[in-house]
Amino acid sequence: MTQATQVVTIQNNDIVQFEHDINNALLDLSECLVVDIKYNTLYIGEHTVIHSALIIYK
């Protein structure tokens, strides 16, 4: 029996809150197998930054 791969996405423009959200997601997924985490930072103009993460787990 195979288990489907699932994902969680997190986005925030505040890096401190973003890191807090990732830590909470990893705690929630502590009983799962985290396969990979992909990070991305998007710069829009001079003052807007969006941090995003994709957590892939089984």
N, C-alpha and C. Protein backbone atom coordinates (compact mmCIF):
# COMPACT_ATOMS: atom_id res chain seq x y z
N MET A 1 0.85 -1.17 0.00
CA MET A 1 0.00 0.00 0.00
C MET A 1 0.89 1.24 0.00
N THR A 2 0.68 2.12 -0.93
CA THR A 2 1.47 3.33 -1.01
C THR A 2 0.72 4.49 -0.37
N GLN A 3 1.49 5.41 0.14
CA GLN A 3 0.90 6.58 0.78
C GLN A 3 1.11 7.78 -0.12
N ALA A 4 0.09 8.57 -0.31
CA ALA A 4 0.17 9.73 -1.19
C ALA A 4 1.06 10.80 -0.59
N THR A 5 1.79 11.48 -1.46
CA THR A 5 2.58 12.62 -1.04
C THR A 5 1.66 13.82 -0.92
N GLN A 6 1.85 14.60 0.15
CA GLN A 6 1.02 15.78 0.39
C GLN A 6 1.93 16.99 0.57
N VAL A 7 1.36 18.16 0.44
CA VAL A 7 2.15 19.39 0.59
C VAL A 7 1.44 20.39 1.49
N VAL A 8 2.24 21.23 2.12
CA VAL A 8 1.76 22.38 2.89
C VAL A 8 2.48 23.59 2.32
N THR A 9 1.75 24.65 2.06
CA THR A 9 2.39 25.89 1.60
C THR A 9 2.24 26.96 2.66
N ILE A 10 3.30 27.74 2.82
CA ILE A 10 3.31 28.82 3.80
C ILE A 10 3.82 30.07 3.10
N GLN A 11 3.12 31.18 3.27
CA GLN A 11 3.55 32.46 2.69
C GLN A 11 3.38 33.56 3.72
N ASN A 12 4.35 34.47 3.75
CA ASN A 12 4.25 35.61 4.65
C ASN A 12 5.26 36.65 4.21
N ASN A 13 4.96 37.92 4.44
CA ASN A 13 5.92 38.96 4.11
C ASN A 13 6.76 39.37 5.32
N ASP A 14 6.48 38.82 6.48
CA ASP A 14 7.24 39.07 7.70
C ASP A 14 8.11 37.84 7.98
N ILE A 15 9.43 37.99 7.89
CA ILE A 15 10.33 36.85 8.02
C ILE A 15 10.22 36.18 9.38
N VAL A 16 10.02 36.94 10.44
CA VAL A 16 9.90 36.35 11.78
C VAL A 16 8.64 35.49 11.87
N GLN A 17 7.52 36.01 11.39
CA GLN A 17 6.28 35.24 11.41
C GLN A 17 6.38 34.04 10.47
N PHE A 18 7.04 34.21 9.35
CA PHE A 18 7.25 33.13 8.39
C PHE A 18 7.99 31.96 9.05
N GLU A 19 9.09 32.27 9.76
CA GLU A 19 9.84 31.22 10.45
C GLU A 19 8.99 30.56 11.54
N HIS A 20 8.19 31.35 12.23
CA HIS A 20 7.31 30.82 13.26
C HIS A 20 6.27 29.87 12.64
N ASP A 21 5.71 30.26 11.49
CA ASP A 21 4.72 29.42 10.80
C ASP A 21 5.35 28.10 10.34
N ILE A 22 6.59 28.15 9.85
CA ILE A 22 7.27 26.92 9.43
C ILE A 22 7.49 26.00 10.62
N ASN A 23 7.96 26.56 11.73
CA ASN A 23 8.18 25.75 12.93
C ASN A 23 6.89 25.09 13.40
N ASN A 24 5.78 25.84 13.38
CA ASN A 24 4.49 25.26 13.78
C ASN A 24 4.06 24.16 12.83
N ALA A 25 4.26 24.36 11.53
CA ALA A 25 3.89 23.33 10.56
C ALA A 25 4.71 22.07 10.77
N LEU A 26 6.01 22.22 11.02
CA LEU A 26 6.86 21.05 11.26
C LEU A 26 6.47 20.32 12.53
N LEU A 27 6.06 21.06 13.55
CA LEU A 27 5.57 20.41 14.77
C LEU A 27 4.29 19.62 14.48
N ASP A 28 3.39 20.22 13.70
CA ASP A 28 2.15 19.53 13.33
C ASP A 28 2.42 18.27 12.51
N LEU A 29 3.52 18.28 11.75
CA LEU A 29 3.86 17.15 10.88
C LEU A 29 4.87 16.21 11.53
N SER A 30 5.05 16.31 12.83
CA SER A 30 6.09 15.53 13.50
C SER A 30 5.90 14.02 13.36
N GLU A 31 4.69 13.57 13.13
CA GLU A 31 4.44 12.14 12.97
C GLU A 31 4.51 11.70 11.50
N CYS A 32 4.79 12.64 10.61
CA CYS A 32 4.87 12.36 9.18
C CYS A 32 6.33 12.33 8.74
N LEU A 33 6.56 11.80 7.57
CA LEU A 33 7.88 11.81 6.95
C LEU A 33 7.97 13.03 6.06
N VAL A 34 8.80 14.01 6.44
CA VAL A 34 9.00 15.19 5.62
C VAL A 34 10.01 14.82 4.54
N VAL A 35 9.58 14.87 3.29
CA VAL A 35 10.39 14.46 2.15
C VAL A 35 11.31 15.59 1.70
N ASP A 36 10.79 16.83 1.67
CA ASP A 36 11.58 17.95 1.18
C ASP A 36 10.93 19.26 1.62
N ILE A 37 11.74 20.30 1.70
CA ILE A 37 11.24 21.65 1.96
C ILE A 37 11.87 22.57 0.92
N LYS A 38 11.04 23.29 0.20
CA LYS A 38 11.50 24.23 -0.81
C LYS A 38 11.19 25.65 -0.34
N TYR A 39 12.20 26.51 -0.37
CA TYR A 39 12.02 27.90 0.03
C TYR A 39 12.14 28.82 -1.19
N ASN A 40 11.42 29.93 -1.14
CA ASN A 40 11.52 30.92 -2.20
C ASN A 40 11.30 32.30 -1.60
N THR A 41 12.03 33.27 -2.10
CA THR A 41 11.83 34.66 -1.69
C THR A 41 11.57 35.48 -2.95
N LEU A 42 10.45 36.18 -2.95
CA LEU A 42 10.04 36.98 -4.10
C LEU A 42 10.14 38.45 -3.73
N TYR A 43 10.92 39.18 -4.50
CA TYR A 43 11.06 40.62 -4.28
C TYR A 43 10.18 41.35 -5.29
N ILE A 44 9.29 42.20 -4.78
CA ILE A 44 8.40 42.98 -5.64
C ILE A 44 8.68 44.45 -5.35
N GLY A 45 9.27 45.11 -6.31
CA GLY A 45 9.62 46.51 -6.10
C GLY A 45 10.73 46.66 -5.08
N GLU A 46 10.78 47.80 -4.44
CA GLU A 46 11.85 48.08 -3.50
C GLU A 46 11.52 47.67 -2.07
N HIS A 47 10.24 47.56 -1.73
CA HIS A 47 9.87 47.39 -0.33
C HIS A 47 9.05 46.15 -0.01
N THR A 48 8.66 45.39 -1.00
CA THR A 48 7.79 44.25 -0.76
C THR A 48 8.56 42.94 -0.99
N VAL A 49 8.55 42.11 0.03
CA VAL A 49 9.21 40.80 -0.04
C VAL A 49 8.19 39.76 0.43
N ILE A 50 8.06 38.68 -0.32
CA ILE A 50 7.17 37.59 0.07
C ILE A 50 8.02 36.33 0.21
N HIS A 51 8.00 35.74 1.40
CA HIS A 51 8.70 34.50 1.66
C HIS A 51 7.70 33.36 1.53
N SER A 52 8.10 32.28 0.88
CA SER A 52 7.20 31.14 0.76
C SER A 52 7.97 29.85 0.94
N ALA A 53 7.27 28.85 1.43
CA ALA A 53 7.85 27.53 1.62
C ALA A 53 6.83 26.48 1.21
N LEU A 54 7.33 25.41 0.66
CA LEU A 54 6.53 24.25 0.29
C LEU A 54 7.11 23.07 1.04
N ILE A 55 6.32 22.49 1.93
CA ILE A 55 6.76 21.33 2.71
C ILE A 55 6.09 20.10 2.11
N ILE A 56 6.89 19.16 1.62
CA ILE A 56 6.39 17.95 1.00
C ILE A 56 6.55 16.81 2.01
N TYR A 57 5.46 16.10 2.27
CA TYR A 57 5.49 15.04 3.29
C TYR A 57 4.62 13.87 2.91
N LYS A 58 4.86 12.77 3.60
CA LYS A 58 4.04 11.56 3.44
C LYS A 58 3.46 11.18 4.78
